[in-house]
């Protein structure tokens, strides 16, 4: 079978497809010949072998520090914990003072280890492999350690926290009156439905997430509306101060703007006064702000008091 025509692939779409696979987040570090520490954020990390103990990471050929890592005697892989999103962003930047902003120490093989990481591996260089627009760095593990902290995750261009998502969902499942809804987006527009009780607008919701065969579930409601949506990420969990209802809202995206009722509305065209539920309106305004900044968090609390924590995934 012949190879597919390379020109047939859209690079952005291919990247999006790769992004469907959830990964951890690491900071890969080494030292220059003069001892200066260097590091970059990477999610292209994997174990290779137990005997001998090998792992690999990938670095782009256009990376500023490529020559340093190719010539170094080894490197360390720091698996970031769920509280280290800021560390990930720091080492993904071009700042020159990265190591002045974090606590770190030398590993057994002499490479920088970042404090509070979920795990670390200090490695000696085993091999460098040319691979398209990247170079694969294969390291032999000289030392490692792990903690009880949950790792930071990354998928589809966003961070997620497994521990937080599970805690929030457990609390919601135990609620006496759960209400499950979704903020469904399609090309920068959000699906809003007519609210027959108030004459205003509302987000699609149900008495549970699924299945689609249950007409009062969220996926059942979407099926009735003819909305082909993918419910993906937990966005907000809060309890009404009166009535005991636990609200659970997810992020989702639709394949098209087809809907039997309601319509998809652009961010700057949302009629906030038409959303009679102040807590839902506030939540949706946070979504718009975070979507524009491409930095999401999960709100956990009640309709008046709570806090936004690192992004979570279902």
Protein backbone atom coordinates (compact mmCIF):
# COMPACT_ATOMS: atom_id res chain seq x y z
CA UNK A 1 0.00 0.00 0.00
CA UNK A 2 1.41 3.40 -0.95
CA UNK A 3 1.81 6.17 1.58
CA UNK A 4 -1.00 8.74 1.68
CA UNK A 5 -0.30 12.04 -0.03
CA UNK A 6 1.22 14.30 2.62
CA UNK A 7 -0.44 17.33 1.05
CA UNK A 8 -3.84 15.79 1.82
CA UNK A 9 -3.44 16.50 5.54
CA UNK A 10 -4.44 19.81 7.05
CA UNK A 11 -1.79 20.49 9.71
CA UNK A 12 -4.19 22.20 12.09
CA UNK A 13 -6.75 19.41 11.81
CA UNK A 14 -4.05 16.80 12.34
CA UNK A 15 -2.91 18.62 15.48
CA UNK A 16 -6.49 18.73 16.72
CA UNK A 17 -6.83 15.00 16.12
CA UNK A 18 -3.60 14.33 18.04
CA UNK A 19 -5.00 16.54 20.80
CA UNK A 20 -7.88 14.13 21.41
CA UNK A 21 -5.44 11.91 23.28
CA UNK A 22 -5.12 13.06 26.93
CA UNK A 23 -1.57 13.31 28.25
CA UNK A 24 0.29 14.44 31.30
CA UNK A 25 2.34 17.63 31.36
CA UNK A 26 6.10 17.63 31.93
CA UNK A 27 8.94 20.11 32.15
CA UNK A 28 12.12 18.72 30.62
CA UNK A 29 15.32 20.21 32.00
CA UNK A 30 19.07 20.05 31.47
CA UNK A 31 22.20 22.19 31.88
CA UNK A 32 24.40 24.00 29.41
CA UNK A 33 28.16 23.38 29.42
CA UNK A 34 28.62 26.36 31.77
CA UNK A 35 25.99 24.97 34.17
CA UNK A 36 23.12 27.26 33.17
CA UNK A 37 19.79 25.41 33.65
CA UNK A 38 17.46 25.14 30.66
CA UNK A 39 13.96 23.73 30.37
CA UNK A 40 10.81 23.51 28.27
CA UNK A 41 7.24 22.23 28.69
CA UNK A 42 6.34 19.03 26.86
CA UNK A 43 3.49 16.53 26.77
CA UNK A 44 5.22 14.26 24.25
CA UNK A 45 6.66 11.99 26.93
CA UNK A 46 6.42 8.23 27.33
CA UNK A 47 8.10 5.29 28.97
CA UNK A 48 10.04 3.02 26.59
CA UNK A 49 11.53 0.12 28.55
CA UNK A 50 11.86 -1.27 32.07
CA UNK A 51 14.95 -3.37 31.33
CA UNK A 52 16.91 -1.24 30.72
CA UNK A 53 14.96 1.72 32.19
CA UNK A 54 14.39 4.02 29.21
CA UNK A 55 12.02 6.88 28.44
CA UNK A 56 11.68 9.43 25.69
CA UNK A 57 10.59 13.00 25.08
CA UNK A 58 10.31 14.98 21.85
CA UNK A 59 11.66 18.45 21.18
CA UNK A 60 10.85 20.55 18.12
CA UNK A 61 13.67 21.33 15.73
CA UNK A 62 12.75 25.01 15.90
CA UNK A 63 13.01 25.04 19.71
CA UNK A 64 15.43 27.65 21.02
CA UNK A 65 17.12 25.11 23.29
CA UNK A 66 17.40 22.24 20.77
CA UNK A 67 21.19 22.44 20.45
CA UNK A 68 21.59 22.46 24.24
CA UNK A 69 19.53 19.30 24.71
CA UNK A 70 21.15 17.50 21.79
CA UNK A 71 24.64 18.10 23.15
CA UNK A 72 23.89 17.64 26.88
CA UNK A 73 24.89 14.46 28.72
CA UNK A 74 21.27 13.91 29.78
CA UNK A 75 18.08 15.51 30.99
CA UNK A 76 15.38 15.30 33.65
CA UNK A 77 11.64 14.89 33.12
CA UNK A 78 9.47 16.56 35.77
CA UNK A 79 5.87 15.30 35.72
CA UNK A 80 3.87 18.29 36.95
CA UNK A 81 1.21 18.03 39.64
CA UNK A 82 -2.31 19.43 39.24
CA UNK A 83 -1.34 22.59 41.15
CA UNK A 84 1.52 23.42 38.75
CA UNK A 85 -0.33 24.85 35.78
CA UNK A 86 1.61 28.07 36.31
CA UNK A 87 4.90 26.16 36.08
CA UNK A 88 3.76 24.63 32.79
CA UNK A 89 2.92 28.06 31.37
CA UNK A 90 6.20 29.49 32.64
CA UNK A 91 8.36 26.90 30.90
CA UNK A 92 6.25 27.13 27.75
CA UNK A 93 7.17 30.81 27.56
CA UNK A 94 10.36 32.48 26.31
CA UNK A 95 11.18 34.09 29.66
CA UNK A 96 14.87 34.01 30.52
CA UNK A 97 14.35 33.88 34.29
CA UNK A 98 12.31 30.65 34.43
CA UNK A 99 14.47 28.95 37.03
CA UNK A 100 14.38 32.04 39.23
CA UNK A 101 10.59 31.70 39.47
CA UNK A 102 10.49 28.10 40.78
CA UNK A 103 12.10 26.06 43.52
CA UNK A 104 14.42 23.39 42.14
CA UNK A 105 17.44 21.25 42.98
CA UNK A 106 19.89 18.94 41.24
CA UNK A 107 18.96 15.33 40.64
CA UNK A 108 21.28 12.34 41.05
CA UNK A 109 22.51 12.74 37.46
CA UNK A 110 22.93 16.48 37.89
CA UNK A 111 19.88 17.80 36.07
CA UNK A 112 17.34 20.27 37.52
CA UNK A 113 14.37 18.80 39.41
CA UNK A 114 11.37 21.05 40.03
CA UNK A 115 9.97 20.96 43.57
CA UNK A 116 6.45 19.60 44.19
CA UNK A 117 6.31 17.64 40.94
CA UNK A 118 4.11 14.54 40.92
CA UNK A 119 7.13 12.53 39.76
CA UNK A 120 10.59 13.05 38.30
CA UNK A 121 13.10 11.04 36.28
CA UNK A 122 16.75 12.07 36.03
CA UNK A 123 18.32 10.53 32.94
CA UNK A 124 21.58 10.04 31.11
CA UNK A 125 21.44 10.46 27.35
CA UNK A 126 20.97 7.15 25.58
CA UNK A 127 20.22 8.24 22.04
CA UNK A 128 18.96 11.12 19.89
CA UNK A 129 16.75 10.18 16.94
CA UNK A 130 15.83 12.44 14.04
CA UNK A 131 12.05 12.34 13.51
CA UNK A 132 10.50 14.75 11.02
CA UNK A 133 10.17 18.21 12.51
CA UNK A 134 11.18 16.91 15.97
CA UNK A 135 14.09 15.17 17.63
CA UNK A 136 13.43 12.26 19.98
CA UNK A 137 15.54 12.31 23.14
CA UNK A 138 15.87 8.84 24.65
CA UNK A 139 17.16 8.78 28.23
CA UNK A 140 18.32 6.04 30.57
CA UNK A 141 16.80 6.59 34.02
CA UNK A 142 19.49 7.19 36.64
CA UNK A 143 17.06 8.08 39.44
CA UNK A 144 13.38 8.75 39.99
CA UNK A 145 10.77 9.54 42.64
CA UNK A 146 7.03 10.05 42.90
CA UNK A 147 4.55 11.67 45.27
CA UNK A 148 0.87 11.16 46.12
CA UNK A 149 -0.12 14.33 44.23
CA UNK A 150 -2.44 14.04 41.24
CA UNK A 151 -0.72 14.80 37.93
CA UNK A 152 -1.66 17.74 35.75
CA UNK A 153 -3.40 16.64 32.55
CA UNK A 154 -3.71 18.16 29.11
CA UNK A 155 -6.17 17.46 26.29
CA UNK A 156 -7.55 19.42 23.32
CA UNK A 157 -5.54 22.50 24.19
CA UNK A 158 -6.59 22.69 27.86
CA UNK A 159 -5.49 21.53 31.29
CA UNK A 160 -7.51 19.16 33.42
CA UNK A 161 -7.33 17.78 36.95
CA UNK A 162 -8.48 14.21 37.50
CA UNK A 163 -8.69 14.53 41.28
CA UNK A 164 -10.85 17.65 41.26
CA UNK A 165 -13.22 16.29 38.63
CA UNK A 166 -13.86 13.12 40.61
CA UNK A 167 -14.44 15.00 43.89
CA UNK A 168 -16.92 17.34 42.21
CA UNK A 169 -18.78 14.53 40.49
CA UNK A 170 -18.99 12.48 43.69
CA UNK A 171 -20.57 15.42 45.48
CA UNK A 172 -23.03 15.95 42.63
CA UNK A 173 -24.05 12.30 42.45
CA UNK A 174 -24.97 12.37 46.15
CA UNK A 175 -27.20 15.42 45.72
CA UNK A 176 -30.93 14.97 46.27
CA UNK A 177 -31.93 17.04 43.23
CA UNK A 178 -29.26 17.17 40.52
CA UNK A 179 -29.70 19.34 37.43
CA UNK A 180 -27.28 18.65 34.60
CA UNK A 181 -26.77 21.18 31.83
CA UNK A 182 -24.33 22.07 29.10
CA UNK A 183 -22.77 25.14 27.53
CA UNK A 184 -22.77 24.00 23.91
CA UNK A 185 -20.62 25.94 21.50
CA UNK A 186 -20.42 25.93 17.72
CA UNK A 187 -18.00 28.25 15.97
CA UNK A 188 -17.98 30.87 18.68
CA UNK A 189 -21.71 30.74 19.37
CA UNK A 190 -23.58 29.29 22.36
CA UNK A 191 -26.85 27.38 22.21
CA UNK A 192 -29.68 29.12 24.10
CA UNK A 193 -33.21 27.73 24.33
CA UNK A 194 -36.50 29.54 24.99
CA UNK A 195 -37.62 29.28 28.61
CA UNK A 196 -41.37 28.67 28.54
CA UNK A 197 -41.77 29.37 32.27
CA UNK A 198 -40.16 32.81 32.28
CA UNK A 199 -40.34 33.87 28.64
CA UNK A 200 -36.58 34.32 28.66
CA UNK A 201 -33.68 32.12 27.66
CA UNK A 202 -31.97 29.13 29.23
CA UNK A 203 -29.19 26.64 28.67
CA UNK A 204 -30.13 23.06 27.74
CA UNK A 205 -30.36 20.82 30.81
CA UNK A 206 -31.88 17.64 32.21
CA UNK A 207 -32.29 15.70 35.42
CA UNK A 208 -29.13 13.67 34.67
CA UNK A 209 -26.45 13.37 32.01
CA UNK A 210 -27.79 10.34 30.14
CA UNK A 211 -28.66 8.04 28.55
CA UNK A 212 -30.17 9.46 25.37
CA UNK A 213 -33.07 7.00 25.72
CA UNK A 214 -34.18 8.86 28.88
CA UNK A 215 -36.16 11.86 27.55
CA UNK A 216 -35.53 14.01 30.65
CA UNK A 217 -31.77 13.48 30.69
CA UNK A 218 -29.46 16.07 29.11
CA UNK A 219 -28.50 13.79 26.22
CA UNK A 220 -32.18 12.85 25.82
CA UNK A 221 -33.14 16.53 25.57
CA UNK A 222 -30.41 17.14 22.99
CA UNK A 223 -31.58 14.16 20.97
CA UNK A 224 -35.14 15.53 20.95
CA UNK A 225 -33.82 18.90 19.78
CA UNK A 226 -31.78 17.27 17.04
CA UNK A 227 -28.55 18.71 18.43
CA UNK A 228 -25.52 16.57 17.65
CA UNK A 229 -23.27 17.60 20.52
CA UNK A 230 -20.27 16.12 22.29
CA UNK A 231 -20.42 16.68 26.06
CA UNK A 232 -16.81 16.78 27.20
CA UNK A 233 -15.59 18.80 30.17
CA UNK A 234 -16.90 19.57 33.61
CA UNK A 235 -17.22 23.35 33.97
CA UNK A 236 -19.26 24.26 37.04
CA UNK A 237 -20.78 22.54 40.08
CA UNK A 238 -22.88 24.58 42.48
CA UNK A 239 -25.80 24.13 44.84
CA UNK A 240 -28.84 26.37 45.02
CA UNK A 241 -29.09 27.96 48.47
CA UNK A 242 -32.81 27.25 48.53
CA UNK A 243 -34.31 23.99 47.34
CA UNK A 244 -31.24 21.77 47.54
CA UNK A 245 -30.75 21.48 43.77
CA UNK A 246 -27.21 20.60 42.68
CA UNK A 247 -26.34 22.19 39.32
CA UNK A 248 -23.72 20.51 37.16
CA UNK A 249 -22.70 22.14 33.89
CA UNK A 250 -20.40 20.78 31.22
CA UNK A 251 -18.59 22.30 28.29
CA UNK A 252 -19.61 20.81 24.96
CA UNK A 253 -19.37 21.45 21.25
CA UNK A 254 -21.89 20.86 18.47
CA UNK A 255 -21.17 19.48 15.01
CA UNK A 256 -23.57 21.98 13.42
CA UNK A 257 -25.91 24.84 14.37
CA UNK A 258 -29.03 22.75 13.76
CA UNK A 259 -31.55 22.85 16.63
CA UNK A 260 -35.30 22.29 16.62
CA UNK A 261 -35.73 25.04 19.22
CA UNK A 262 -33.61 28.01 20.18
CA UNK A 263 -30.47 29.15 18.36
CA UNK A 264 -26.73 29.58 18.64
CA UNK A 265 -25.88 33.11 19.78
CA UNK A 266 -22.54 34.92 19.43
CA UNK A 267 -20.79 35.86 22.67
CA UNK A 268 -21.28 39.59 22.13
CA UNK A 269 -24.95 39.17 21.19
CA UNK A 270 -26.13 37.35 24.32
CA UNK A 271 -29.07 39.11 25.98
CA UNK A 272 -28.00 38.72 29.60
CA UNK A 273 -31.27 40.19 30.88
CA UNK A 274 -33.12 37.31 29.18
CA UNK A 275 -31.37 34.81 31.45
CA UNK A 276 -33.58 34.99 34.56
CA UNK A 277 -31.41 32.73 36.72
CA UNK A 278 -28.67 35.01 38.07
CA UNK A 279 -26.37 32.13 38.98
CA UNK A 280 -26.56 30.60 35.50
CA UNK A 281 -26.05 34.03 33.93
CA UNK A 282 -22.96 34.60 36.08
CA UNK A 283 -21.63 31.16 35.17
CA UNK A 284 -22.14 31.81 31.46
CA UNK A 285 -20.41 35.19 31.69
CA UNK A 286 -17.42 33.44 33.28
CA UNK A 287 -17.45 30.92 30.44
CA UNK A 288 -17.33 33.69 27.83
CA UNK A 289 -14.48 35.45 29.64
CA UNK A 290 -12.46 32.25 30.07
CA UNK A 291 -13.20 31.08 26.53
CA UNK A 292 -11.85 34.33 25.13
CA UNK A 293 -8.71 33.88 27.23
CA UNK A 294 -8.56 30.13 26.53
CA UNK A 295 -8.01 29.42 30.24
CA UNK A 296 -10.74 27.43 31.93
CA UNK A 297 -11.41 26.48 35.54
CA UNK A 298 -14.14 24.62 37.44
CA UNK A 299 -16.42 26.57 39.77
CA UNK A 300 -17.30 24.60 42.89
CA UNK A 301 -19.55 26.02 45.62
CA UNK A 302 -23.10 27.33 45.93
CA UNK A 303 -24.88 29.94 43.85
CA UNK A 304 -23.27 32.80 45.80
CA UNK A 305 -19.99 31.57 47.25
CA UNK A 306 -17.38 29.25 45.78
CA UNK A 307 -14.07 29.23 44.02
CA UNK A 308 -12.66 28.48 40.60
CA UNK A 309 -10.17 25.61 40.57
CA UNK A 310 -7.95 24.09 37.87
CA UNK A 311 -9.68 22.84 34.78
CA UNK A 312 -11.29 19.40 35.00
CA UNK A 313 -12.34 16.67 32.65
CA UNK A 314 -15.20 14.19 32.80
